[in-house]
Each structure stands twice: as structure tokens, then as C-alpha cells.
PDB file of N, CA and C in Angstrom:
ATOM      1  N   MET A   1      79.017 -24.289 166.142  1.00  0.00           N
ATOM      2  CA  MET A   1      79.173 -25.252 167.210  1.00  0.00           C
ATOM      3  C   MET A   1      80.360 -25.026 168.108  1.00  0.00           C
ATOM      4  N   ILE A   2      81.487 -24.641 167.651  1.00  0.00           N
ATOM      5  CA  ILE A   2      82.728 -24.088 168.330  1.00  0.00           C
ATOM      6  C   ILE A   2      82.163 -22.886 168.900  1.00  0.00           C
ATOM      7  N   LYS A   3      81.437 -22.117 168.444  1.00  0.00           N
ATOM      8  CA  LYS A   3      81.216 -20.893 169.137  1.00  0.00           C
ATOM      9  C   LYS A   3      80.474 -21.149 170.254  1.00  0.00           C
ATOM     10  N   ARG A   4      79.438 -22.172 170.344  1.00  0.00           N
ATOM     11  CA  ARG A   4      78.924 -22.343 171.786  1.00  0.00           C
ATOM     12  C   ARG A   4      79.692 -23.252 172.819  1.00  0.00           C
ATOM     13  N   VAL A   5      80.708 -23.813 172.248  1.00  0.00           N
ATOM     14  CA  VAL A   5      81.747 -24.675 173.331  1.00  0.00           C
ATOM     15  C   VAL A   5      82.279 -23.195 173.662  1.00  0.00           C
ATOM     16  N   VAL A   6      82.792 -22.455 173.088  1.00  0.00           N
ATOM     17  CA  VAL A   6      83.625 -21.056 173.601  1.00  0.00           C
ATOM     18  C   VAL A   6      82.711 -20.656 174.581  1.00  0.00           C
ATOM     19  N   PHE A   7      81.532 -20.169 174.121  1.00  0.00           N
ATOM     20  CA  PHE A   7      80.701 -19.488 175.031  1.00  0.00           C
ATOM     21  C   PHE A   7      80.511 -20.089 176.264  1.00  0.00           C
ATOM     22  N   VAL A   8      80.209 -21.238 176.451  1.00  0.00           N
ATOM     23  CA  VAL A   8      80.016 -22.071 177.607  1.00  0.00           C
ATOM     24  C   VAL A   8      81.091 -22.190 178.321  1.00  0.00           C
ATOM     25  N   ALA A   9      82.194 -22.406 177.790  1.00  0.00           N
ATOM     26  CA  ALA A   9      83.562 -22.236 178.547  1.00  0.00           C
ATOM     27  C   ALA A   9      83.672 -20.862 179.203  1.00  0.00           C
ATOM     28  N   GLY A  10      83.325 -19.974 178.475  1.00  0.00           N
ATOM     29  CA  GLY A  10      83.643 -18.502 179.110  1.00  0.00           C
ATOM     30  C   GLY A  10      82.552 -18.009 180.159  1.00  0.00           C
ATOM     31  N   VAL A  11      81.292 -18.717 180.032  1.00  0.00           N
ATOM     32  CA  VAL A  11      80.241 -18.396 181.027  1.00  0.00           C
ATOM     33  C   VAL A  11      80.803 -19.172 182.264  1.00  0.00           C
ATOM     34  N   SER A  12      81.180 -20.673 182.167  1.00  0.00           N
ATOM     35  CA  SER A  12      81.651 -21.436 183.347  1.00  0.00           C
ATOM     36  C   SER A  12      82.989 -20.798 184.120  1.00  0.00           C
ATOM     37  N   ALA A  13      83.857 -20.402 183.201  1.00  0.00           N
ATOM     38  CA  ALA A  13      85.012 -19.606 183.849  1.00  0.00           C
ATOM     39  C   ALA A  13      84.571 -18.324 184.590  1.00  0.00           C
ATOM     40  N   GLY A  14      83.783 -17.654 184.058  1.00  0.00           N
ATOM     41  CA  GLY A  14      82.956 -16.367 184.635  1.00  0.00           C
ATOM     42  C   GLY A  14      82.486 -16.691 185.942  1.00  0.00           C
ATOM     43  N   TYR A  15      81.804 -17.943 185.713  1.00  0.00           N
ATOM     44  CA  TYR A  15      80.922 -18.469 186.992  1.00  0.00           C
ATOM     45  C   TYR A  15      81.907 -18.681 188.148  1.00  0.00           C
ATOM     46  N   LEU A  16      83.058 -19.418 187.787  1.00  0.00           N
ATOM     47  CA  LEU A  16      83.890 -20.157 188.658  1.00  0.00           C
ATOM     48  C   LEU A  16      84.866 -18.873 189.353  1.00  0.00           C
ATOM     49  N   PHE A  17      85.522 -18.033 188.702  1.00  0.00           N
ATOM     50  CA  PHE A  17      86.256 -17.101 189.270  1.00  0.00           C
ATOM     51  C   PHE A  17      85.442 -15.774 189.624  1.00  0.00           C
ATOM     52  N   GLY A  18      84.196 -15.640 189.047  1.00  0.00           N
ATOM     53  CA  GLY A  18      83.614 -14.351 189.610  1.00  0.00           C
ATOM     54  C   GLY A  18      82.548 -14.097 190.513  1.00  0.00           C
ATOM     55  N   THR A  19      82.063 -15.303 190.879  1.00  0.00           N
ATOM     56  CA  THR A  19      81.060 -15.265 191.797  1.00  0.00           C
ATOM     57  C   THR A  19      81.469 -16.060 193.252  1.00  0.00           C
ATOM     58  N   PRO A  20      81.166 -15.704 194.505  1.00  0.00           N
ATOM     59  CA  PRO A  20      81.534 -16.188 195.485  1.00  0.00           C
ATOM     60  C   PRO A  20      80.984 -17.925 195.812  1.00  0.00           C
ATOM     61  N   SER A  21      79.945 -18.266 195.194  1.00  0.00           N
ATOM     62  CA  SER A  21      79.434 -19.460 195.114  1.00  0.00           C
ATOM     63  C   SER A  21      80.428 -20.312 193.855  1.00  0.00           C
ATOM     64  N   GLY A  22      80.793 -19.880 192.673  1.00  0.00           N
ATOM     65  CA  GLY A  22      81.645 -20.156 191.772  1.00  0.00           C
ATOM     66  C   GLY A  22      82.930 -20.475 192.513  1.00  0.00           C
ATOM     67  N   ARG A  23      83.324 -19.522 193.540  1.00  0.00           N
ATOM     68  CA  ARG A  23      84.856 -19.778 194.084  1.00  0.00           C
ATOM     69  C   ARG A  23      84.729 -21.091 194.815  1.00  0.00           C
ATOM     70  N   LYS A  24      83.735 -21.177 195.708  1.00  0.00           N
ATOM     71  CA  LYS A  24      83.449 -22.474 196.807  1.00  0.00           C
ATOM     72  C   LYS A  24      83.388 -23.643 195.656  1.00  0.00           C
ATOM     73  N   GLN A  25      82.842 -23.564 194.506  1.00  0.00           N
ATOM     74  CA  GLN A  25      82.723 -24.770 193.688  1.00  0.00           C
ATOM     75  C   GLN A  25      84.333 -24.934 193.227  1.00  0.00           C
ATOM     76  N   LEU A  26      84.838 -24.175 192.799  1.00  0.00           N
ATOM     77  CA  LEU A  26      86.425 -24.068 192.484  1.00  0.00           C
ATOM     78  C   LEU A  26      87.057 -24.819 193.525  1.00  0.00           C
ATOM     79  N   ASP A  27      87.085 -24.310 194.719  1.00  0.00           N
ATOM     80  CA  ASP A  27      87.847 -24.989 195.915  1.00  0.00           C
ATOM     81  C   ASP A  27      87.371 -26.455 196.063  1.00  0.00           C
ATOM     82  N   LYS A  28      86.192 -26.856 195.789  1.00  0.00           N
ATOM     83  CA  LYS A  28      85.448 -28.140 196.176  1.00  0.00           C
ATOM     84  C   LYS A  28      86.307 -29.067 194.792  1.00  0.00           C
ATOM     85  N   ILE A  29      86.559 -28.707 193.783  1.00  0.00           N
ATOM     86  CA  ILE A  29      86.919 -29.016 192.509  1.00  0.00           C
ATOM     87  C   ILE A  29      88.731 -29.356 192.570  1.00  0.00           C
ATOM     88  N   LYS A  30      89.295 -28.081 193.350  1.00  0.00           N
ATOM     89  CA  LYS A  30      90.608 -28.425 193.894  1.00  0.00           C
ATOM     90  C   LYS A  30      90.972 -29.387 194.772  1.00  0.00           C
ATOM     91  N   LEU A  31      90.097 -29.669 195.720  1.00  0.00           N
ATOM     92  CA  LEU A  31      90.295 -30.554 196.654  1.00  0.00           C
ATOM     93  C   LEU A  31      89.967 -32.084 195.755  1.00  0.00           C
ATOM     94  N   TRP A  32      88.994 -32.193 195.344  1.00  0.00           N
ATOM     95  CA  TRP A  32      88.754 -33.240 194.604  1.00  0.00           C
ATOM     96  C   TRP A  32      89.964 -33.744 193.767  1.00  0.00           C
ATOM     97  N   ALA A  33      90.386 -32.864 193.300  1.00  0.00           N
ATOM     98  CA  ALA A  33      91.596 -33.389 192.182  1.00  0.00           C
ATOM     99  C   ALA A  33      92.874 -33.499 192.804  1.00  0.00           C
ATOM    100  N   ALA A  34      93.084 -32.895 194.097  1.00  0.00           N
ATOM    101  CA  ALA A  34      94.138 -33.319 194.884  1.00  0.00           C
ATOM    102  C   ALA A  34      93.938 -34.814 195.476  1.00  0.00           C
ATOM    103  N   ASP A  35      92.595 -35.302 195.755  1.00  0.00           N
ATOM    104  CA  ASP A  35      92.355 -36.112 196.352  1.00  0.00           C
ATOM    105  C   ASP A  35      92.663 -37.509 195.111  1.00  0.00           C
ATOM    106  N   VAL A  36      92.007 -37.161 194.073  1.00  0.00           N
ATOM    107  CA  VAL A  36      92.577 -38.250 192.828  1.00  0.00           C
ATOM    108  C   VAL A  36      94.017 -38.295 192.731  1.00  0.00           C
ATOM    109  N   TRP A  37      94.566 -37.239 192.684  1.00  0.00           N
ATOM    110  CA  TRP A  37      96.039 -37.374 192.312  1.00  0.00           C
ATOM    111  C   TRP A  37      96.744 -38.236 193.576  1.00  0.00           C
ATOM    112  N   ARG A  38      96.372 -38.094 194.659  1.00  0.00           N
ATOM    113  CA  ARG A  38      96.952 -38.682 196.002  1.00  0.00           C
ATOM    114  C   ARG A  38      96.474 -40.127 195.889  1.00  0.00           C
ATOM    115  N   ASP A  39      95.503 -40.597 195.260  1.00  0.00           N
ATOM    116  CA  ASP A  39      95.217 -41.941 195.078  1.00  0.00           C
ATOM    117  C   ASP A  39      96.380 -42.750 194.752  1.00  0.00           C
ATOM    118  N   PRO A  40      96.373 -44.009 195.657  1.00  0.00           N
ATOM    119  CA  PRO A  40      97.497 -44.922 195.239  1.00  0.00           C
ATOM    120  C   PRO A  40      97.613 -45.615 193.956  1.00  0.00           C
ATOM    121  N   ARG A  41      96.247 -45.742 193.504  1.00  0.00           N
ATOM    122  CA  ARG A  41      96.101 -46.436 192.156  1.00  0.00           C
ATOM    123  C   ARG A  41      96.442 -45.426 190.937  1.00  0.00           C
ATOM    124  N   VAL A  42      96.122 -44.113 191.280  1.00  0.00           N
ATOM    125  CA  VAL A  42      96.556 -43.110 190.134  1.00  0.00           C
ATOM    126  C   VAL A  42      98.186 -43.019 190.099  1.00  0.00           C
ATOM    127  N   GLN A  43      98.707 -43.240 191.465  1.00  0.00           N
ATOM    128  CA  GLN A  43     100.162 -43.035 191.472  1.00  0.00           C
ATOM    129  C   GLN A  43     100.880 -44.065 190.929  1.00  0.00           C
ATOM    130  N   GLU A  44     100.363 -45.393 190.812  1.00  0.00           N
ATOM    131  CA  GLU A  44     100.808 -46.415 190.217  1.00  0.00           C
ATOM    132  C   GLU A  44     100.915 -46.251 188.562  1.00  0.00           C
ATOM    133  N   TYR A  45      99.974 -45.532 188.137  1.00  0.00           N
ATOM    134  CA  TYR A  45      99.850 -45.553 186.853  1.00  0.00           C
ATOM    135  C   TYR A  45     100.968 -44.357 186.599  1.00  0.00           C
ATOM    136  N   VAL A  46     100.992 -43.373 187.344  1.00  0.00           N
ATOM    137  CA  VAL A  46     102.034 -42.378 187.167  1.00  0.00           C
ATOM    138  C   VAL A  46     103.284 -42.705 187.123  1.00  0.00           C
ATOM    139  N   GLN A  47     103.665 -43.721 188.187  1.00  0.00           N
ATOM    140  CA  GLN A  47     105.143 -44.059 188.127  1.00  0.00           C
ATOM    141  C   GLN A  47     105.436 -44.689 186.741  1.00  0.00           C
ATOM    142  N   GLU A  48     104.397 -45.719 186.540  1.00  0.00           N
ATOM    143  CA  GLU A  48     104.586 -46.548 185.420  1.00  0.00           C
ATOM    144  C   GLU A  48     104.838 -45.798 184.075  1.00  0.00           C
ATOM    145  N   TYR A  49     104.143 -44.661 183.953  1.00  0.00           N
ATOM    146  CA  TYR A  49     104.329 -44.226 182.643  1.00  0.00           C
ATOM    147  C   TYR A  49     105.388 -42.956 182.855  1.00  0.00           C
ATOM    148  N   GLU A  50     105.963 -42.764 183.851  1.00  0.00           N
ATOM    149  CA  GLU A  50     107.214 -41.898 184.099  1.00  0.00           C
ATOM    150  C   GLU A  50     108.322 -42.817 183.796  1.00  0.00           C
ATOM    151  N   SER A  51     108.221 -44.093 184.184  1.00  0.00           N
ATOM    152  CA  SER A  51     109.486 -45.015 183.947  1.00  0.00           C
ATOM    153  C   SER A  51     109.523 -45.266 182.473  1.00  0.00           C
ATOM    154  N   GLN A  52     108.143 -45.352 181.610  1.00  0.00           N
ATOM    155  CA  GLN A  52     108.106 -45.695 180.340  1.00  0.00           C
ATOM    156  C   GLN A  52     108.482 -44.487 179.444  1.00  0.00           C
ATOM    157  N   ALA A  53     108.185 -43.365 179.805  1.00  0.00           N
ATOM    158  CA  ALA A  53     108.634 -42.165 179.319  1.00  0.00           C
ATOM    159  C   ALA A  53     110.290 -41.895 179.284  1.00  0.00           C
ATOM    160  N   ALA A  54     110.906 -42.266 180.461  1.00  0.00           N
ATOM    161  CA  ALA A  54     112.396 -42.074 180.830  1.00  0.00           C
ATOM    162  C   ALA A  54     112.905 -43.115 179.773  1.00  0.00           C
ATOM    163  N   ALA A  55     112.494 -44.256 179.881  1.00  0.00           N
ATOM    164  CA  ALA A  55     113.343 -45.463 179.024  1.00  0.00           C
ATOM    165  C   ALA A  55     113.018 -45.032 177.517  1.00  0.00           C
ATOM    166  N   PHE A  56     111.608 -44.435 176.981  1.00  0.00           N
ATOM    167  CA  PHE A  56     111.664 -43.867 175.702  1.00  0.00           C
ATOM    168  C   PHE A  56     112.626 -42.740 175.278  1.00  0.00           C
ATOM    169  N   ALA A  57     112.696 -41.533 176.393  1.00  0.00           N
ATOM    170  CA  ALA A  57     113.604 -40.676 176.055  1.00  0.00           C
ATOM    171  C   ALA A  57     115.037 -41.050 175.962  1.00  0.00           C
ATOM    172  N   LYS A  58     115.674 -42.113 176.771  1.00  0.00           N
ATOM    173  CA  LYS A  58     116.879 -42.868 176.755  1.00  0.00           C
ATOM    174  C   LYS A  58     117.168 -43.317 175.288  1.00  0.00           C
ATOM    175  N   LYS A  59     116.091 -44.019 174.929  1.00  0.00           N
ATOM    176  CA  LYS A  59     116.294 -44.724 173.959  1.00  0.00           C
ATOM    177  C   LYS A  59     116.288 -43.488 172.576  1.00  0.00           C
ATOM    178  N   GLN A  60     115.541 -42.682 172.344  1.00  0.00           N
ATOM    179  CA  GLN A  60     115.455 -41.774 171.558  1.00  0.00           C
ATOM    180  C   GLN A  60     116.459 -40.858 171.421  1.00  0.00           C
ATOM    181  N   GLY A  61     116.800 -40.508 172.784  1.00  0.00           N
ATOM    182  CA  GLY A  61     118.029 -39.690 172.730  1.00  0.00           C
ATOM    183  C   GLY A  61     119.316 -40.219 171.916  1.00  0.00           C
ATOM    184  N   ALA A  62     119.652 -41.439 172.288  1.00  0.00           N
ATOM    185  CA  ALA A  62     120.635 -41.956 171.620  1.00  0.00           C
ATOM    186  C   ALA A  62     120.429 -41.821 170.102  1.00  0.00           C
ATOM    187  N   ALA A  63     119.444 -42.315 169.593  1.00  0.00           N
ATOM    188  CA  ALA A  63     118.851 -42.050 168.240  1.00  0.00           C
ATOM    189  C   ALA A  63     119.179 -40.775 167.777  1.00  0.00           C
ATOM    190  N   VAL A  64     118.570 -39.639 168.338  1.00  0.00           N
ATOM    191  CA  VAL A  64     118.759 -38.216 167.759  1.00  0.00           C
ATOM    192  C   VAL A  64     120.199 -37.740 167.862  1.00  0.00           C
ATOM    193  N   TRP A  65     120.933 -38.410 169.046  1.00  0.00           N
ATOM    194  CA  TRP A  65     122.247 -37.934 168.846  1.00  0.00           C
ATOM    195  C   TRP A  65     122.959 -38.762 167.806  1.00  0.00           C
ATOM    196  N   GLU A  66     122.930 -39.617 167.325  1.00  0.00           N
ATOM    197  CA  GLU A  66     123.483 -40.368 166.331  1.00  0.00           C
ATOM    198  C   GLU A  66     123.283 -39.652 165.059  1.00  0.00           C
ATOM    199  N   LYS A  67     121.770 -39.351 164.738  1.00  0.00           N
ATOM    200  CA  LYS A  67     121.488 -38.635 163.452  1.00  0.00           C
ATOM    201  C   LYS A  67     121.959 -37.232 163.671  1.00  0.00           C
ATOM    202  N   ALA A  68     122.286 -36.486 164.689  1.00  0.00           N
ATOM    203  CA  ALA A  68     122.753 -35.006 164.776  1.00  0.00           C
ATOM    204  C   ALA A  68     124.182 -35.188 164.478  1.00  0.00           C
ATOM    205  N   VAL A  69     124.842 -36.375 164.562  1.00  0.00           N
ATOM    206  CA  VAL A  69     126.307 -36.324 164.304  1.00  0.00           C
ATOM    207  C   VAL A  69     126.462 -36.707 162.877  1.00  0.00           C
ATOM    208  N   ASP A  70     125.523 -37.749 162.494  1.00  0.00           N
ATOM    209  CA  ASP A  70     125.666 -37.916 161.066  1.00  0.00           C
ATOM    210  C   ASP A  70     125.525 -36.587 160.012  1.00  0.00           C
ATOM    211  N   THR A  71     124.393 -36.120 160.628  1.00  0.00           N
ATOM    212  CA  THR A  71     123.908 -34.927 159.824  1.00  0.00           C
ATOM    213  C   THR A  71     125.272 -33.889 159.758  1.00  0.00           C
ATOM    214  N   ALA A  72     125.796 -33.816 161.023  1.00  0.00           N
ATOM    215  CA  ALA A  72     126.999 -32.703 161.152  1.00  0.00           C
ATOM    216  C   ALA A  72     128.206 -32.835 160.394  1.00  0.00           C
ATOM    217  N   LYS A  73     128.624 -34.448 160.359  1.00  0.00           N
ATOM    218  CA  LYS A  73     129.457 -35.039 159.597  1.00  0.00           C
ATOM    219  C   LYS A  73     129.161 -34.579 157.821  1.00  0.00           C
ATOM    220  N   SER A  74     128.115 -35.036 157.560  1.00  0.00           N
ATOM    221  CA  SER A  74     127.749 -34.817 156.096  1.00  0.00           C
ATOM    222  C   SER A  74     127.666 -33.400 155.765  1.00  0.00           C
ATOM    223  N   ALA A  75     127.240 -32.451 156.620  1.00  0.00           N
ATOM    224  CA  ALA A  75     127.100 -31.243 156.470  1.00  0.00           C
ATOM    225  C   ALA A  75     128.679 -30.530 156.221  1.00  0.00           C
ATOM    226  N   VAL A  76     129.645 -31.121 157.147  1.00  0.00           N
ATOM    227  CA  VAL A  76     130.875 -30.820 157.078  1.00  0.00           C
ATOM    228  C   VAL A  76     131.516 -31.248 155.639  1.00  0.00           C
ATOM    229  N   THR A  77     131.619 -32.420 155.336  1.00  0.00           N
ATOM    230  CA  THR A  77     132.135 -32.974 154.018  1.00  0.00           C
ATOM    231  C   THR A  77     131.615 -32.324 152.902  1.00  0.00           C
ATOM    232  N   THR A  78     130.199 -32.235 152.716  1.00  0.00           N
ATOM    233  CA  THR A  78     129.839 -31.364 151.773  1.00  0.00           C
ATOM    234  C   THR A  78     129.756 -29.985 151.554  1.00  0.00           C
ATOM    235  N   SER A  79     130.237 -29.389 152.580  1.00  0.00           N
ATOM    236  CA  SER A  79     130.456 -27.895 152.641  1.00  0.00           C
ATOM    237  C   SER A  79     131.653 -27.646 152.176  1.00  0.00           C
ATOM    238  N   SER A  80     132.710 -28.457 152.309  1.00  0.00           N
ATOM    239  CA  SER A  80     134.215 -28.403 151.892  1.00  0.00           C
ATOM    240  C   SER A  80     134.337 -28.364 150.128  1.00  0.00           C
ATOM    241  N   THR A  81     134.882 -27.456 149.969  1.00  0.00           N
ATOM    242  CA  THR A  81     135.088 -27.122 148.228  1.00  0.00           C
ATOM    243  C   THR A  81     136.656 -27.433 147.906  1.00  0.00           C
ATOM    244  N   THR A  82     136.950 -28.188 146.766  1.00  0.00           N
ATOM    245  CA  THR A  82     138.225 -28.306 146.292  1.00  0.00           C
ATOM    246  C   THR A  82     138.596 -27.203 145.357  1.00  0.00           C
ATOM    247  N   LYS A  83     139.574 -26.556 145.626  1.00  0.00           N
ATOM    248  CA  LYS A  83     139.857 -25.935 144.283  1.00  0.00           C
ATOM    249  C   LYS A  83     141.625 -26.215 143.615  1.00  0.00           C
ATOM    250  N   HIS A  84     141.098 -26.078 142.343  1.00  0.00           N
ATOM    251  CA  HIS A  84     142.569 -26.890 141.802  1.00  0.00           C
ATOM    252  C   HIS A  84     143.301 -25.773 141.217  1.00  0.00           C
ATOM    253  N   ASP A  85     144.482 -25.595 141.567  1.00  0.00           N
ATOM    254  CA  ASP A  85     145.435 -24.718 140.670  1.00  0.00           C
ATOM    255  C   ASP A  85     146.419 -25.741 140.024  1.00  0.00           C
ATOM    256  N   ASP A  86     146.935 -24.924 139.091  1.00  0.00           N
ATOM    257  CA  ASP A  86     148.224 -25.600 138.202  1.00  0.00           C
ATOM    258  C   ASP A  86     148.866 -26.205 139.235  1.00  0.00           C
ATOM    259  N   THR A  87     149.392 -25.823 140.447  1.00  0.00           N
ATOM    260  CA  THR A  87     150.529 -26.416 141.308  1.00  0.00           C
ATOM    261  C   THR A  87     149.808 -27.214 142.413  1.00  0.00           C
ATOM    262  N   THR A  88     148.934 -26.628 143.091  1.00  0.00           N
ATOM    263  CA  THR A  88     148.460 -27.502 144.340  1.00  0.00           C
ATOM    264  C   THR A  88     146.972 -27.364 144.352  1.00  0.00           C
ATOM    265  N   SER A  89     146.513 -28.215 145.226  1.00  0.00           N
ATOM    266  CA  SER A  89     144.931 -28.340 145.514  1.00  0.00           C
ATOM    267  C   SER A  89     144.864 -28.185 146.949  1.00  0.00           C
ATOM    268  N   THR A  90     143.865 -27.184 147.341  1.00  0.00           N
ATOM    269  CA  THR A  90     143.633 -26.938 148.801  1.00  0.00           C
ATOM    270  C   THR A  90     142.109 -26.995 148.958  1.00  0.00           C
ATOM    271  N   THR A  91     141.729 -27.299 150.045  1.00  0.00           N
ATOM    272  CA  THR A  91     140.810 -27.645 150.740  1.00  0.00           C
ATOM    273  C   THR A  91     140.114 -26.384 151.584  1.00  0.00           C
ATOM    274  N   SER A  92     139.000 -25.802 151.273  1.00  0.00           N
ATOM    275  CA  SER A  92     138.496 -24.823 152.282  1.00  0.00           C
ATOM    276  C   SER A  92     137.229 -24.628 152.355  1.00  0.00           C
ATOM    277  N   PRO A  93     136.747 -24.677 153.717  1.00  0.00           N
ATOM    278  CA  PRO A  93     135.389 -24.597 154.007  1.00  0.00           C
ATOM    279  C   PRO A  93     134.389 -23.483 153.532  1.00  0.00           C
ATOM    280  N   THR A  94     133.387 -23.701 152.788  1.00  0.00           N
ATOM    281  CA  THR A  94     132.320 -22.560 152.473  1.00  0.00           C
ATOM    282  C   THR A  94     131.769 -21.840 153.697  1.00  0.00           C
ATOM    283  N   VAL A  95     131.918 -20.619 153.717  1.00  0.00           N
ATOM    284  CA  VAL A  95     131.216 -19.692 154.533  1.00  0.00           C
ATOM    285  C   VAL A  95     129.859 -19.444 154.440  1.00  0.00           C
ATOM    286  N   VAL A  96     129.176 -19.843 155.310  1.00  0.00           N
ATOM    287  CA  VAL A  96     127.653 -19.567 155.146  1.00  0.00           C
ATOM    288  C   VAL A  96     127.394 -18.465 156.168  1.00  0.00           C
ATOM    289  N   GLU A  97     126.689 -17.148 155.451  1.00  0.00           N
ATOM    290  CA  GLU A  97     126.399 -16.107 155.978  1.00  0.00           C
ATOM    291  C   GLU A  97     124.984 -16.174 156.684  1.00  0.00           C
ATOM    292  N   PRO A  98     124.692 -15.779 157.938  1.00  0.00           N
ATOM    293  CA  PRO A  98     123.760 -15.702 158.767  1.00  0.00           C
ATOM    294  C   PRO A  98     122.334 -14.966 158.032  1.00  0.00           C
ATOM    295  N   LEU A  99     121.250 -15.797 157.823  1.00  0.00           N
ATOM    296  CA  LEU A  99     120.060 -15.168 157.108  1.00  0.00           C
ATOM    297  C   LEU A  99     119.503 -13.646 157.575  1.00  0.00           C
ATOM    298  N   MET A 100     120.023 -13.728 159.109  1.00  0.00           N
ATOM    299  CA  MET A 100     119.341 -12.407 159.788  1.00  0.00           C
ATOM    300  C   MET A 100     120.113 -12.187 161.034  1.00  0.00           C
ATOM    301  N   ASP A 101     120.707 -11.088 161.019  1.00  0.00           N
ATOM    302  CA  ASP A 101     121.417 -10.656 162.247  1.00  0.00           C
ATOM    303  C   ASP A 101     120.458  -9.851 163.680  1.00  0.00           C
ATOM    304  N   ALA A 102     121.358  -9.562 164.448  1.00  0.00           N
ATOM    305  CA  ALA A 102     120.346  -8.992 165.672  1.00  0.00           C
ATOM    306  C   ALA A 102     119.774  -7.769 164.750  1.00  0.00           C
ATOM    307  N   ASP A 103     120.420  -6.783 164.125  1.00  0.00           N
ATOM    308  CA  ASP A 103     119.759  -5.463 164.003  1.00  0.00           C
ATOM    309  C   ASP A 103     118.880  -5.764 162.873  1.00  0.00           C
ATOM    310  N   ASP A 104     118.623  -6.962 162.089  1.00  0.00           N
ATOM    311  CA  ASP A 104     117.395  -6.928 161.280  1.00  0.00           C
ATOM    312  C   ASP A 104     116.233  -7.569 162.177  1.00  0.00           C
ATOM    313  N   ALA A 105     116.568  -8.326 163.179  1.00  0.00           N
ATOM    314  CA  ALA A 105     115.456  -8.802 163.983  1.00  0.00           C
ATOM    315  C   ALA A 105     114.651  -7.789 164.483  1.00  0.00           C
ATOM    316  N   ASN A 106     115.315  -6.722 165.009  1.00  0.00           N
ATOM    317  CA  ASN A 106     114.547  -5.657 165.678  1.00  0.00           C
ATOM    318  C   ASN A 106     114.838  -4.401 164.988  1.00  0.00           C
ATOM    319  N   PRO A 107     114.160  -4.316 163.698  1.00  0.00           N
ATOM    320  CA  PRO A 107     114.360  -2.703 163.106  1.00  0.00           C
ATOM    321  C   PRO A 107     113.672  -1.777 163.571  1.00  0.00           C
ATOM    322  N   GLY A 108     114.539  -0.558 163.648  1.00  0.00           N
ATOM    323  CA  GLY A 108     114.030   0.687 164.150  1.00  0.00           C
ATOM    324  C   GLY A 108     114.268   0.804 165.543  1.00  0.00           C
ATOM    325  N   GLN A 109     114.738  -0.297 166.368  1.00  0.00           N
ATOM    326  CA  GLN A 109     115.382  -0.043 167.552  1.00  0.00           C
ATOM    327  C   GLN A 109     116.824   0.048 168.021  1.00  0.00           C
ATOM    328  N   ARG A 110     117.629   1.119 168.263  1.00  0.00           N
ATOM    329  CA  ARG A 110     118.864   0.765 168.549  1.00  0.00           C
ATOM    330  C   ARG A 110     119.389   1.087 169.795  1.00  0.00           C
TER     331      ARG A 110
END
């Protein structure tokens, strides 16, 4: 079934882009789509969903920021190790080496 859908889509695209009458149909489709987009009823929905998306992004942005700060704080506190000597105790951060550097990403290219 998927092969048929892909075939029909390919034939349609070939017709629209490859023949003069197909290009005329494509121009008609573009004009129709532009008219629909400029319709005030459509624009009301667009504005409504844009405001909802902006509010959602602000709300989730704050949540993501808080989660990132919490994760960074926990990473800093868990990556510190305490060394115990007979005389003093010091805290030193654990050094994490990168898994891949620039030379590993592009082998054979210098």
C-alpha cells in the first residue's frame, strides 16, 4: 500500500512540475492556498494558536530552566570527590574527558 501511495505522489509531482498544464494547476493551487491563508477566519485561528503557543513556551521555558539549574547543581555536587589525608581533606572536581574530539569526528581529513 505504501508503494502505491509513493508512486501516486511521484506521478503527481511529475505532472505538476514537469508539464505545462501541471504548472498551470500548480499556480491555481498556490493562488487558492494564498486566498485561504488571507481569509480573516483562518487568521483568527492563527492568532489564537500563536498566543497559545507563546504562553506554552513561556510556561515550559521556566520549567526547563529550573530543571536545567537543578541538574547542573546536582552534577556539580556529585562530581566533586573528597580526598582524605592524614592532615587535611580537600575537595577537587572530577575531570571528565570528551568522548570524541575534532580529529575523531573527521578521520583521514587533516
